[in-house]
Amino acid sequence: MDLLLSCLDRGSHLNQVSPVLATISAAEKLSRISTVEERITYWKHASHRLISRCTHMVPAR
């Protein structure tokens, strides 16, 4: 959870898409997908992209 919060704090400072905006965008797209299977697949891919962005933004300790 600390990693996610740190990522969200840093997202607005970087010249990258904010993870918060990426999550909102994913949720909007998800609402347009009709089948449950497609929603699950889309959300898995979107969450992996979000996690990848966060791990690249937060410096190693």
C-alpha atoms as a PDB file:
ATOM      1  CA  MET A   1       0.000   0.000   0.000  1.00  0.00           C
ATOM      2  CA  ASP A   2       2.872   2.379   0.775  1.00  0.00           C
ATOM      3  CA  LEU A   3       4.265   1.763  -2.709  1.00  0.00           C
ATOM      4  CA  LEU A   4       0.942   2.678  -4.302  1.00  0.00           C
ATOM      5  CA  LEU A   5       0.558   5.851  -2.218  1.00  0.00           C
ATOM      6  CA  SER A   6       4.108   6.887  -3.014  1.00  0.00           C
ATOM      7  CA  CYS A   7       3.435   6.258  -6.679  1.00  0.00           C
ATOM      8  CA  LEU A   8       0.276   8.367  -6.622  1.00  0.00           C
ATOM      9  CA  ASP A   9       2.143  11.204  -4.888  1.00  0.00           C
ATOM     10  CA  ARG A  10       4.939  11.145  -7.444  1.00  0.00           C
ATOM     11  CA  GLY A  11       2.696  10.725 -10.485  1.00  0.00           C
ATOM     12  CA  SER A  12       1.794  14.397 -10.638  1.00  0.00           C
ATOM     13  CA  HIS A  13       5.445  15.497 -10.501  1.00  0.00           C
ATOM     14  CA  LEU A  14       6.656  13.433 -13.427  1.00  0.00           C
ATOM     15  CA  ASN A  15       6.262  13.981 -17.148  1.00  0.00           C
ATOM     16  CA  GLN A  16       4.238  10.783 -17.345  1.00  0.00           C
ATOM     17  CA  VAL A  17       0.554   9.963 -17.190  1.00  0.00           C
ATOM     18  CA  SER A  18      -0.564  10.006 -13.584  1.00  0.00           C
ATOM     19  CA  PRO A  19      -1.446   6.519 -12.316  1.00  0.00           C
ATOM     20  CA  VAL A  20      -4.674   7.979 -10.930  1.00  0.00           C
ATOM     21  CA  LEU A  21      -5.709   9.208 -14.376  1.00  0.00           C
ATOM     22  CA  ALA A  22      -4.673   5.890 -15.899  1.00  0.00           C
ATOM     23  CA  THR A  23      -6.881   4.054 -13.419  1.00  0.00           C
ATOM     24  CA  ILE A  24      -9.853   6.333 -14.125  1.00  0.00           C
ATOM     25  CA  SER A  25      -9.348   5.853 -17.855  1.00  0.00           C
ATOM     26  CA  ALA A  26      -9.209   2.072 -17.406  1.00  0.00           C
ATOM     27  CA  ALA A  27     -12.417   2.126 -15.370  1.00  0.00           C
ATOM     28  CA  GLU A  28     -14.194   4.150 -18.070  1.00  0.00           C
ATOM     29  CA  LYS A  29     -13.092   1.726 -20.783  1.00  0.00           C
ATOM     30  CA  LEU A  30     -14.051  -1.192 -18.572  1.00  0.00           C
ATOM     31  CA  SER A  31     -17.601   0.143 -18.268  1.00  0.00           C
ATOM     32  CA  ARG A  32     -17.954  -0.107 -22.069  1.00  0.00           C
ATOM     33  CA  ILE A  33     -16.941  -3.790 -22.202  1.00  0.00           C
ATOM     34  CA  SER A  34     -19.965  -6.064 -22.203  1.00  0.00           C
ATOM     35  CA  THR A  35     -18.880  -9.576 -21.179  1.00  0.00           C
ATOM     36  CA  VAL A  36     -17.514 -10.509 -17.781  1.00  0.00           C
ATOM     37  CA  GLU A  37     -14.622 -12.465 -19.320  1.00  0.00           C
ATOM     38  CA  GLU A  38     -13.536  -9.448 -21.378  1.00  0.00           C
ATOM     39  CA  ARG A  39     -13.770  -7.205 -18.310  1.00  0.00           C
ATOM     40  CA  ILE A  40     -11.578  -9.550 -16.257  1.00  0.00           C
ATOM     41  CA  THR A  41      -8.989  -9.795 -19.034  1.00  0.00           C
ATOM     42  CA  TYR A  42      -8.949  -6.022 -19.593  1.00  0.00           C
ATOM     43  CA  TRP A  43      -8.630  -5.261 -15.876  1.00  0.00           C
ATOM     44  CA  LYS A  44      -5.749  -7.725 -15.480  1.00  0.00           C
ATOM     45  CA  HIS A  45      -3.838  -6.013 -18.288  1.00  0.00           C
ATOM     46  CA  ALA A  46      -4.657  -2.519 -17.012  1.00  0.00           C
ATOM     47  CA  SER A  47      -3.588  -3.363 -13.457  1.00  0.00           C
ATOM     48  CA  HIS A  48      -0.281  -4.830 -14.681  1.00  0.00           C
ATOM     49  CA  ARG A  49       0.408  -1.626 -16.641  1.00  0.00           C
ATOM     50  CA  LEU A  50      -0.392   0.483 -13.581  1.00  0.00           C
ATOM     51  CA  ILE A  51       1.887  -1.592 -11.344  1.00  0.00           C
ATOM     52  CA  SER A  52       4.645  -1.364 -13.948  1.00  0.00           C
ATOM     53  CA  ARG A  53       4.362   2.450 -14.052  1.00  0.00           C
ATOM     54  CA  CYS A  54       4.449   2.651 -10.267  1.00  0.00           C
ATOM     55  CA  THR A  55       7.528   0.484  -9.889  1.00  0.00           C
ATOM     56  CA  HIS A  56       9.382   2.604 -12.452  1.00  0.00           C
ATOM     57  CA  MET A  57       8.431   5.864 -10.703  1.00  0.00           C
ATOM     58  CA  VAL A  58       9.383   4.926  -7.152  1.00  0.00           C
ATOM     59  CA  PRO A  59      13.140   4.875  -6.530  1.00  0.00           C
ATOM     60  CA  ALA A  60      14.647   1.745  -4.999  1.00  0.00           C
ATOM     61  CA  ARG A  61      15.351   1.957  -1.304  1.00  0.00           C
END
